[in-house]
Amino acid sequence: MKKVLLALVITTMLSGCVYRSTAHAGKDFDETKSSQIVSGKTTEADMLRLLGEPIKKDVVSDHEVKWVYEYVTSNAAVRVFSMKPKVDVTKKTLEVLMRDGVVVNHALTNPGKTQYK
C-alpha cells in the first residue's frame, strides 16, 4: 500500500512540472513613436534619432530603400506528461519606405499575441 501511495504522490507532483522557454528575435522598438513619422518630411537622420538603426535595409531601386524594424517574442510551455506544447508568439513590424533619404510611406503591423496549442 505504501508503494502505491508513494507512486501516486510522485505522479501527482510530476504532473505539475512545466518546462518553459522564451526566445527573442530582432530588436525591440517603441511602436508608439511611429506616430511621429511624417511622409514627405521625416528624414533618415530623424528615423535614426527616433528608433535607431533598423534590423534590415532592402534596396528597392536606385532611389528607394525599405527600412525594417521587427521584434518577435516566443514563449513556449510543455507539461511533463501531456507533452502538448503551448506557444505564444508576439510580433511587431514597422516598414518604412525611403526615397532619396526622406520617408515616402510607412506601415506598422502589430497583431498582438498569437497562441498555438
Protein backbone atom coordinates (compact mmCIF):
# COMPACT_ATOMS: atom_id res chain seq x y z
CA MET A 1 0.00 0.00 0.00
CA LYS A 2 2.88 2.40 0.79
CA LYS A 3 4.37 1.83 -2.67
CA VAL A 4 1.07 2.68 -4.37
CA LEU A 5 0.68 5.80 -2.24
CA LEU A 6 4.29 6.84 -2.95
CA ALA A 7 3.79 6.28 -6.70
CA LEU A 8 0.58 8.35 -6.59
CA VAL A 9 2.33 11.21 -4.76
CA ILE A 10 5.28 11.22 -7.19
CA THR A 11 2.97 11.11 -10.22
CA THR A 12 0.90 13.98 -8.84
CA MET A 13 4.00 16.09 -8.20
CA LEU A 14 5.48 15.42 -11.64
CA SER A 15 2.23 16.10 -13.48
CA GLY A 16 2.51 19.74 -12.41
CA CYS A 17 6.01 20.13 -13.85
CA VAL A 18 6.17 22.50 -16.77
CA TYR A 19 9.17 23.25 -18.96
CA ARG A 20 9.25 26.85 -20.18
CA SER A 21 11.29 28.58 -22.83
CA THR A 22 11.41 32.16 -24.11
CA ALA A 23 13.08 33.34 -27.32
CA HIS A 24 13.51 36.81 -28.82
CA ALA A 25 14.40 37.78 -32.37
CA GLY A 26 15.08 41.16 -33.91
CA LYS A 27 15.47 44.41 -32.00
CA ASP A 28 12.74 45.83 -29.77
CA PHE A 29 11.44 49.29 -30.66
CA ASP A 30 8.82 51.69 -29.31
CA GLU A 31 5.94 51.36 -31.79
CA THR A 32 4.20 54.43 -30.30
CA LYS A 33 6.93 56.57 -31.92
CA SER A 34 5.67 55.56 -35.37
CA SER A 35 3.01 58.27 -34.99
CA GLN A 36 5.85 60.84 -35.19
CA ILE A 37 6.83 59.69 -38.69
CA VAL A 38 5.53 62.10 -41.36
CA SER A 39 5.63 61.05 -45.01
CA GLY A 40 7.47 63.60 -47.17
CA LYS A 41 9.05 65.25 -44.13
CA THR A 42 10.83 62.72 -41.85
CA THR A 43 14.44 62.10 -42.93
CA GLU A 44 16.84 59.18 -42.42
CA ALA A 45 18.57 61.19 -39.66
CA ASP A 46 15.20 61.74 -37.97
CA MET A 47 14.49 58.00 -38.13
CA LEU A 48 17.86 57.16 -36.60
CA ARG A 49 17.20 59.56 -33.72
CA LEU A 50 13.66 58.27 -33.27
CA LEU A 51 14.14 54.48 -33.47
CA GLY A 52 17.82 53.79 -34.10
CA GLU A 53 19.19 51.50 -36.80
CA PRO A 54 16.68 49.14 -38.42
CA ILE A 55 17.40 45.42 -38.36
CA LYS A 56 17.39 45.35 -42.15
CA LYS A 57 17.57 47.69 -45.15
CA ASP A 58 16.29 46.42 -48.50
CA VAL A 59 17.26 48.28 -51.67
CA VAL A 60 14.10 48.70 -53.74
CA SER A 61 15.50 50.86 -56.57
CA ASP A 62 18.27 53.40 -57.25
CA HIS A 63 16.43 55.98 -55.13
CA GLU A 64 14.38 53.85 -52.72
CA VAL A 65 15.30 51.80 -49.64
CA LYS A 66 12.93 49.98 -47.30
CA TRP A 67 13.90 50.05 -43.61
CA VAL A 68 12.50 47.25 -41.47
CA TYR A 69 12.17 47.30 -37.69
CA GLU A 70 10.97 43.98 -36.29
CA TYR A 71 10.72 42.24 -32.93
CA VAL A 72 9.40 38.76 -32.16
CA THR A 73 8.93 37.13 -28.75
CA SER A 74 8.02 33.48 -28.36
CA ASN A 75 7.06 31.79 -25.08
CA ALA A 76 6.65 28.01 -25.00
CA ALA A 77 5.45 25.75 -22.19
CA VAL A 78 5.20 21.95 -22.13
CA ARG A 79 3.72 19.84 -19.32
CA VAL A 80 5.83 16.80 -18.49
CA PHE A 81 3.20 14.11 -19.02
CA SER A 82 0.93 15.67 -21.64
CA MET A 83 3.79 16.74 -23.95
CA LYS A 84 1.36 19.18 -25.58
CA PRO A 85 3.20 22.45 -26.17
CA LYS A 86 1.53 25.81 -25.74
CA VAL A 87 3.29 28.57 -27.68
CA ASP A 88 2.54 32.30 -27.60
CA VAL A 89 4.14 34.46 -30.30
CA THR A 90 4.11 38.25 -30.33
CA LYS A 91 5.41 40.07 -33.40
CA LYS A 92 5.58 43.72 -34.35
CA THR A 93 6.95 45.13 -37.58
CA LEU A 94 7.49 48.66 -38.85
CA GLU A 95 8.33 49.05 -42.54
CA VAL A 96 9.50 52.47 -43.74
CA LEU A 97 9.98 53.29 -47.43
CA MET A 98 12.62 55.97 -48.04
CA ARG A 99 13.13 57.83 -51.31
CA ASP A 100 16.28 59.92 -51.57
CA GLY A 101 16.61 59.97 -47.77
CA VAL A 102 13.04 61.03 -46.96
CA VAL A 103 10.15 58.84 -45.75
CA VAL A 104 7.62 58.19 -48.51
CA ASN A 105 5.41 55.70 -46.67
CA HIS A 106 5.39 53.57 -43.53
CA ALA A 107 3.30 50.77 -42.05
CA LEU A 108 3.14 49.35 -38.54
CA THR A 109 1.91 45.79 -38.06
CA ASN A 110 1.25 44.65 -34.51
CA PRO A 111 -1.36 41.88 -34.46
CA GLY A 112 -0.74 41.14 -30.78
CA LYS A 113 -0.30 37.68 -29.36
CA THR A 114 -0.91 34.53 -31.42
CA GLN A 115 -1.44 31.29 -29.49
CA TYR A 116 -0.59 27.85 -30.83
CA LYS A 117 -1.79 24.79 -28.93
